[in-house]
Amino acid sequence: MRKSYFILIIIVSFTGCITQSKEKTIEKYLRKAHGKKTEEYSNKVLTLDSLNTDALYNLGYINQENDSGIYYFKKSLEIDSNQAMVWYELGRIYKIKSRVGQSAYLEDRINVSQLDSAILFISKAIELDTTSGLLYYERGFCCTYSNRRSQYDLAKSDFSKACKLGWPVACEIVKSWK
C-alpha cells in the first residue's frame, strides 16, 4: 500500500512538472512572439496547447488581410467567446472587406453584408467591454455608412460615448454636429 502511494505521488509530481514546464515554454514563446517571428512562435505554442487563445489571436492579427485571419479569430472565439478584442478585430476585418472608409465612398461600392457583419461583431465587443472608446468609435464609424436611419442614430450615440470615454476623434465629430 505504501509503495503504490509513493508511486502515485511521483506520478502526480511528474505530471505537475510537465504542465509547469509546458506553461513556461508557452509563456516564453508568447513573449518572443513579436515582430517577424510572431507566426513561428505562435504556431509553436499551438503545437503545445491547441487551445491557446493568445497564439490564435496573434495568428489572426498577422493574417488579417486574408481569410485565414478570420479563421484564427473565429477559432479563438470558439474556445472563449468573452474576448472583446477578438470580436473587435473580427469586426475590423469585415469593415475592411466592406470597403468602408476606402478611397471610393460611393454607397454602391460598399458591401452591405460585410458592413452589417462588422457592426455585429463590434457590437459583441462592446457588450463585453463598455469602457473602450475605440470600440464605440469604430462601430459609430461603420454605422455612418449604413443607409438605415437606426444605424445613423446609433452612430451618433456611439460617437458621444466614445468622446466621453476620451476618444478625441469622436469628440471632433460630436462638435461638428452642433
C-alpha atoms as a PDB file:
ATOM      1  CA  MET A   1       0.000   0.000   0.000  1.00  0.00           C
ATOM      2  CA  ARG A   2       2.709   2.446   0.974  1.00  0.00           C
ATOM      3  CA  LYS A   3       4.696   1.664  -2.167  1.00  0.00           C
ATOM      4  CA  SER A   4       1.750   2.354  -4.502  1.00  0.00           C
ATOM      5  CA  TYR A   5       1.013   5.611  -2.639  1.00  0.00           C
ATOM      6  CA  PHE A   6       4.626   6.693  -3.152  1.00  0.00           C
ATOM      7  CA  ILE A   7       4.428   5.884  -6.899  1.00  0.00           C
ATOM      8  CA  LEU A   8       1.199   7.863  -7.177  1.00  0.00           C
ATOM      9  CA  ILE A   9       2.899  10.881  -5.574  1.00  0.00           C
ATOM     10  CA  ILE A  10       5.783  10.610  -8.030  1.00  0.00           C
ATOM     11  CA  ILE A  11       3.395  10.385 -10.995  1.00  0.00           C
ATOM     12  CA  VAL A  12       1.345  13.383  -9.816  1.00  0.00           C
ATOM     13  CA  SER A  13       4.526  15.374  -9.140  1.00  0.00           C
ATOM     14  CA  PHE A  14       5.968  14.445 -12.529  1.00  0.00           C
ATOM     15  CA  THR A  15       2.735  15.395 -14.292  1.00  0.00           C
ATOM     16  CA  GLY A  16       2.768  18.729 -12.473  1.00  0.00           C
ATOM     17  CA  CYS A  17       6.360  19.325 -13.625  1.00  0.00           C
ATOM     18  CA  ILE A  18       5.413  18.587 -17.213  1.00  0.00           C
ATOM     19  CA  THR A  19       2.490  21.004 -17.001  1.00  0.00           C
ATOM     20  CA  GLN A  20       4.591  23.730 -15.380  1.00  0.00           C
ATOM     21  CA  SER A  21       7.356  23.173 -17.917  1.00  0.00           C
ATOM     22  CA  LYS A  22       4.839  23.305 -20.766  1.00  0.00           C
ATOM     23  CA  GLU A  23       3.310  26.525 -19.373  1.00  0.00           C
ATOM     24  CA  LYS A  24       6.767  28.107 -19.035  1.00  0.00           C
ATOM     25  CA  THR A  25       7.597  27.131 -22.620  1.00  0.00           C
ATOM     26  CA  ILE A  26       4.317  28.609 -23.859  1.00  0.00           C
ATOM     27  CA  GLU A  27       4.961  31.833 -21.923  1.00  0.00           C
ATOM     28  CA  LYS A  28       8.468  32.011 -23.385  1.00  0.00           C
ATOM     29  CA  TYR A  29       7.160  31.588 -26.936  1.00  0.00           C
ATOM     30  CA  LEU A  30       4.405  34.174 -26.462  1.00  0.00           C
ATOM     31  CA  ARG A  31       6.889  36.711 -25.072  1.00  0.00           C
ATOM     32  CA  LYS A  32       9.067  36.182 -28.144  1.00  0.00           C
ATOM     33  CA  ALA A  33       6.070  36.336 -30.484  1.00  0.00           C
ATOM     34  CA  HIS A  34       6.610  39.897 -31.649  1.00  0.00           C
ATOM     35  CA  GLY A  35       7.724  41.157 -35.000  1.00  0.00           C
ATOM     36  CA  LYS A  36       8.743  38.791 -37.754  1.00  0.00           C
ATOM     37  CA  LYS A  37       8.776  35.694 -35.552  1.00  0.00           C
ATOM     38  CA  THR A  38       5.180  36.073 -34.367  1.00  0.00           C
ATOM     39  CA  GLU A  39       3.819  33.424 -36.687  1.00  0.00           C
ATOM     40  CA  GLU A  40       6.611  30.956 -35.942  1.00  0.00           C
ATOM     41  CA  TYR A  41       6.330  31.255 -32.166  1.00  0.00           C
ATOM     42  CA  SER A  42       2.535  31.309 -32.151  1.00  0.00           C
ATOM     43  CA  ASN A  43       2.500  28.076 -34.169  1.00  0.00           C
ATOM     44  CA  LYS A  44       4.948  26.546 -31.676  1.00  0.00           C
ATOM     45  CA  VAL A  45       2.604  27.494 -28.844  1.00  0.00           C
ATOM     46  CA  LEU A  46      -0.311  25.849 -30.673  1.00  0.00           C
ATOM     47  CA  THR A  47       1.654  22.613 -31.025  1.00  0.00           C
ATOM     48  CA  LEU A  48       1.951  22.588 -27.221  1.00  0.00           C
ATOM     49  CA  ASP A  49      -1.543  23.923 -26.498  1.00  0.00           C
ATOM     50  CA  SER A  50      -4.023  23.906 -29.376  1.00  0.00           C
ATOM     51  CA  LEU A  51      -6.496  25.895 -27.258  1.00  0.00           C
ATOM     52  CA  ASN A  52      -4.193  28.846 -26.564  1.00  0.00           C
ATOM     53  CA  THR A  53      -6.269  31.911 -27.426  1.00  0.00           C
ATOM     54  CA  ASP A  54      -3.267  34.273 -27.272  1.00  0.00           C
ATOM     55  CA  ALA A  55      -1.500  32.347 -30.041  1.00  0.00           C
ATOM     56  CA  LEU A  56      -4.702  32.191 -32.094  1.00  0.00           C
ATOM     57  CA  TYR A  57      -5.157  35.955 -31.635  1.00  0.00           C
ATOM     58  CA  ASN A  58      -1.572  36.567 -32.801  1.00  0.00           C
ATOM     59  CA  LEU A  59      -2.113  34.442 -35.909  1.00  0.00           C
ATOM     60  CA  GLY A  60      -5.441  36.129 -36.625  1.00  0.00           C
ATOM     61  CA  TYR A  61      -3.867  39.540 -36.271  1.00  0.00           C
ATOM     62  CA  ILE A  62      -0.909  38.892 -38.568  1.00  0.00           C
ATOM     63  CA  ASN A  63      -3.162  37.229 -41.157  1.00  0.00           C
ATOM     64  CA  GLN A  64      -5.947  39.822 -41.048  1.00  0.00           C
ATOM     65  CA  GLU A  65      -5.531  40.711 -44.707  1.00  0.00           C
ATOM     66  CA  ASN A  66      -6.617  37.261 -45.827  1.00  0.00           C
ATOM     67  CA  ASP A  67      -9.315  34.806 -44.818  1.00  0.00           C
ATOM     68  CA  SER A  68      -7.019  32.847 -42.508  1.00  0.00           C
ATOM     69  CA  GLY A  69      -7.182  35.821 -40.125  1.00  0.00           C
ATOM     70  CA  ILE A  70     -10.934  35.287 -39.873  1.00  0.00           C
ATOM     71  CA  TYR A  71     -10.342  31.571 -39.305  1.00  0.00           C
ATOM     72  CA  TYR A  72      -7.947  32.135 -36.376  1.00  0.00           C
ATOM     73  CA  PHE A  73     -10.159  34.763 -34.720  1.00  0.00           C
ATOM     74  CA  LYS A  74     -13.241  32.535 -35.020  1.00  0.00           C
ATOM     75  CA  LYS A  75     -11.281  29.559 -33.677  1.00  0.00           C
ATOM     76  CA  SER A  76     -10.202  31.667 -30.698  1.00  0.00           C
ATOM     77  CA  LEU A  77     -13.829  32.683 -30.071  1.00  0.00           C
ATOM     78  CA  GLU A  78     -14.935  29.034 -30.187  1.00  0.00           C
ATOM     79  CA  ILE A  79     -12.620  28.456 -27.224  1.00  0.00           C
ATOM     80  CA  ASP A  80     -13.516  31.633 -25.324  1.00  0.00           C
ATOM     81  CA  SER A  81     -16.266  33.883 -26.618  1.00  0.00           C
ATOM     82  CA  ASN A  82     -15.590  36.530 -23.942  1.00  0.00           C
ATOM     83  CA  GLN A  83     -12.655  38.175 -25.731  1.00  0.00           C
ATOM     84  CA  ALA A  84     -13.723  41.696 -26.628  1.00  0.00           C
ATOM     85  CA  MET A  85     -10.614  42.466 -28.674  1.00  0.00           C
ATOM     86  CA  VAL A  86     -11.020  39.332 -30.780  1.00  0.00           C
ATOM     87  CA  TRP A  87     -14.610  40.332 -31.581  1.00  0.00           C
ATOM     88  CA  TYR A  88     -13.336  43.817 -32.419  1.00  0.00           C
ATOM     89  CA  GLU A  89     -10.553  42.542 -34.703  1.00  0.00           C
ATOM     90  CA  LEU A  90     -13.024  40.280 -36.481  1.00  0.00           C
ATOM     91  CA  GLY A  91     -15.326  43.282 -36.959  1.00  0.00           C
ATOM     92  CA  ARG A  92     -12.417  45.336 -38.234  1.00  0.00           C
ATOM     93  CA  ILE A  93     -11.623  42.714 -40.878  1.00  0.00           C
ATOM     94  CA  TYR A  94     -15.231  42.803 -42.063  1.00  0.00           C
ATOM     95  CA  LYS A  95     -15.164  46.610 -42.046  1.00  0.00           C
ATOM     96  CA  ILE A  96     -12.152  46.475 -44.386  1.00  0.00           C
ATOM     97  CA  LYS A  97     -13.863  43.862 -46.559  1.00  0.00           C
ATOM     98  CA  SER A  98     -16.931  46.118 -46.806  1.00  0.00           C
ATOM     99  CA  ARG A  99     -14.711  48.845 -48.313  1.00  0.00           C
ATOM    100  CA  VAL A 100     -15.955  51.420 -45.792  1.00  0.00           C
ATOM    101  CA  GLY A 101     -13.600  54.351 -45.472  1.00  0.00           C
ATOM    102  CA  GLN A 102     -11.616  53.466 -48.567  1.00  0.00           C
ATOM    103  CA  SER A 103     -10.995  55.857 -51.435  1.00  0.00           C
ATOM    104  CA  ALA A 104     -14.383  55.225 -53.071  1.00  0.00           C
ATOM    105  CA  TYR A 105     -17.101  56.498 -50.740  1.00  0.00           C
ATOM    106  CA  LEU A 106     -19.947  55.726 -53.069  1.00  0.00           C
ATOM    107  CA  GLU A 107     -22.676  53.691 -51.403  1.00  0.00           C
ATOM    108  CA  ASP A 108     -22.961  51.310 -54.339  1.00  0.00           C
ATOM    109  CA  ARG A 109     -19.353  50.248 -53.758  1.00  0.00           C
ATOM    110  CA  ILE A 110     -19.895  49.352 -50.113  1.00  0.00           C
ATOM    111  CA  ASN A 111     -20.533  45.685 -49.435  1.00  0.00           C
ATOM    112  CA  VAL A 112     -23.533  45.995 -47.106  1.00  0.00           C
ATOM    113  CA  SER A 113     -23.481  42.412 -45.826  1.00  0.00           C
ATOM    114  CA  GLN A 114     -19.816  42.767 -44.827  1.00  0.00           C
ATOM    115  CA  LEU A 115     -20.644  46.103 -43.179  1.00  0.00           C
ATOM    116  CA  ASP A 116     -23.505  44.503 -41.241  1.00  0.00           C
ATOM    117  CA  SER A 117     -21.142  41.763 -40.071  1.00  0.00           C
ATOM    118  CA  ALA A 118     -18.627  44.382 -38.945  1.00  0.00           C
ATOM    119  CA  ILE A 119     -21.305  46.190 -36.925  1.00  0.00           C
ATOM    120  CA  LEU A 120     -22.491  42.909 -35.404  1.00  0.00           C
ATOM    121  CA  PHE A 121     -19.001  41.806 -34.316  1.00  0.00           C
ATOM    122  CA  ILE A 122     -18.032  45.207 -32.932  1.00  0.00           C
ATOM    123  CA  SER A 123     -21.364  45.314 -31.073  1.00  0.00           C
ATOM    124  CA  LYS A 124     -20.448  41.998 -29.439  1.00  0.00           C
ATOM    125  CA  ALA A 125     -17.108  43.510 -28.400  1.00  0.00           C
ATOM    126  CA  ILE A 126     -18.965  46.445 -26.825  1.00  0.00           C
ATOM    127  CA  GLU A 127     -21.209  44.050 -24.879  1.00  0.00           C
ATOM    128  CA  LEU A 128     -18.040  42.629 -23.324  1.00  0.00           C
ATOM    129  CA  ASP A 129     -16.184  45.920 -22.819  1.00  0.00           C
ATOM    130  CA  THR A 130     -18.255  49.051 -22.339  1.00  0.00           C
ATOM    131  CA  THR A 131     -15.208  51.108 -21.301  1.00  0.00           C
ATOM    132  CA  SER A 132     -13.415  51.272 -24.635  1.00  0.00           C
ATOM    133  CA  GLY A 133     -13.821  54.468 -26.631  1.00  0.00           C
ATOM    134  CA  LEU A 134     -12.183  52.715 -29.578  1.00  0.00           C
ATOM    135  CA  LEU A 135     -14.996  50.166 -29.815  1.00  0.00           C
ATOM    136  CA  TYR A 136     -17.740  52.803 -29.777  1.00  0.00           C
ATOM    137  CA  TYR A 137     -15.841  54.921 -32.293  1.00  0.00           C
ATOM    138  CA  GLU A 138     -15.353  52.011 -34.713  1.00  0.00           C
ATOM    139  CA  ARG A 139     -18.981  50.928 -34.549  1.00  0.00           C
ATOM    140  CA  GLY A 140     -20.084  54.535 -34.985  1.00  0.00           C
ATOM    141  CA  PHE A 141     -17.795  54.844 -37.995  1.00  0.00           C
ATOM    142  CA  CYS A 142     -19.327  51.740 -39.588  1.00  0.00           C
ATOM    143  CA  CYS A 143     -22.873  52.855 -38.797  1.00  0.00           C
ATOM    144  CA  THR A 144     -22.373  56.171 -40.578  1.00  0.00           C
ATOM    145  CA  TYR A 145     -22.044  54.255 -43.846  1.00  0.00           C
ATOM    146  CA  SER A 146     -25.253  52.317 -43.323  1.00  0.00           C
ATOM    147  CA  ASN A 147     -28.271  53.624 -45.183  1.00  0.00           C
ATOM    148  CA  ARG A 148     -30.609  52.739 -42.299  1.00  0.00           C
ATOM    149  CA  ARG A 149     -31.780  55.551 -40.024  1.00  0.00           C
ATOM    150  CA  SER A 150     -31.488  53.391 -36.894  1.00  0.00           C
ATOM    151  CA  GLN A 151     -27.800  52.846 -37.654  1.00  0.00           C
ATOM    152  CA  TYR A 152     -27.238  56.569 -38.061  1.00  0.00           C
ATOM    153  CA  ASP A 153     -28.833  57.212 -34.659  1.00  0.00           C
ATOM    154  CA  LEU A 154     -26.592  54.502 -33.184  1.00  0.00           C
ATOM    155  CA  ALA A 155     -23.555  56.184 -34.772  1.00  0.00           C
ATOM    156  CA  LYS A 156     -24.396  59.480 -33.081  1.00  0.00           C
ATOM    157  CA  SER A 157     -24.807  57.746 -29.748  1.00  0.00           C
ATOM    158  CA  ASP A 158     -21.550  55.794 -30.218  1.00  0.00           C
ATOM    159  CA  PHE A 159     -19.527  58.885 -31.090  1.00  0.00           C
ATOM    160  CA  SER A 160     -20.884  60.632 -27.997  1.00  0.00           C
ATOM    161  CA  LYS A 161     -19.949  57.653 -25.791  1.00  0.00           C
ATOM    162  CA  ALA A 162     -16.513  57.410 -27.392  1.00  0.00           C
ATOM    163  CA  CYS A 163     -15.970  61.109 -26.706  1.00  0.00           C
ATOM    164  CA  LYS A 164     -16.990  60.697 -23.052  1.00  0.00           C
ATOM    165  CA  LEU A 165     -14.519  57.794 -22.826  1.00  0.00           C
ATOM    166  CA  GLY A 166     -11.712  60.051 -24.020  1.00  0.00           C
ATOM    167  CA  TRP A 167     -11.560  59.261 -27.720  1.00  0.00           C
ATOM    168  CA  PRO A 168     -10.575  62.673 -29.206  1.00  0.00           C
ATOM    169  CA  VAL A 169     -11.522  61.972 -32.826  1.00  0.00           C
ATOM    170  CA  ALA A 170     -15.043  61.155 -31.701  1.00  0.00           C
ATOM    171  CA  CYS A 171     -15.169  64.457 -29.787  1.00  0.00           C
ATOM    172  CA  GLU A 172     -14.357  66.327 -33.008  1.00  0.00           C
ATOM    173  CA  ILE A 173     -17.224  64.560 -34.773  1.00  0.00           C
ATOM    174  CA  VAL A 174     -19.639  65.377 -31.947  1.00  0.00           C
ATOM    175  CA  LYS A 175     -18.538  69.051 -32.044  1.00  0.00           C
ATOM    176  CA  SER A 176     -19.180  69.183 -35.789  1.00  0.00           C
ATOM    177  CA  TRP A 177     -22.868  68.309 -35.218  1.00  0.00           C
ATOM    178  CA  LYS A 178     -23.505  71.379 -33.089  1.00  0.00           C
END
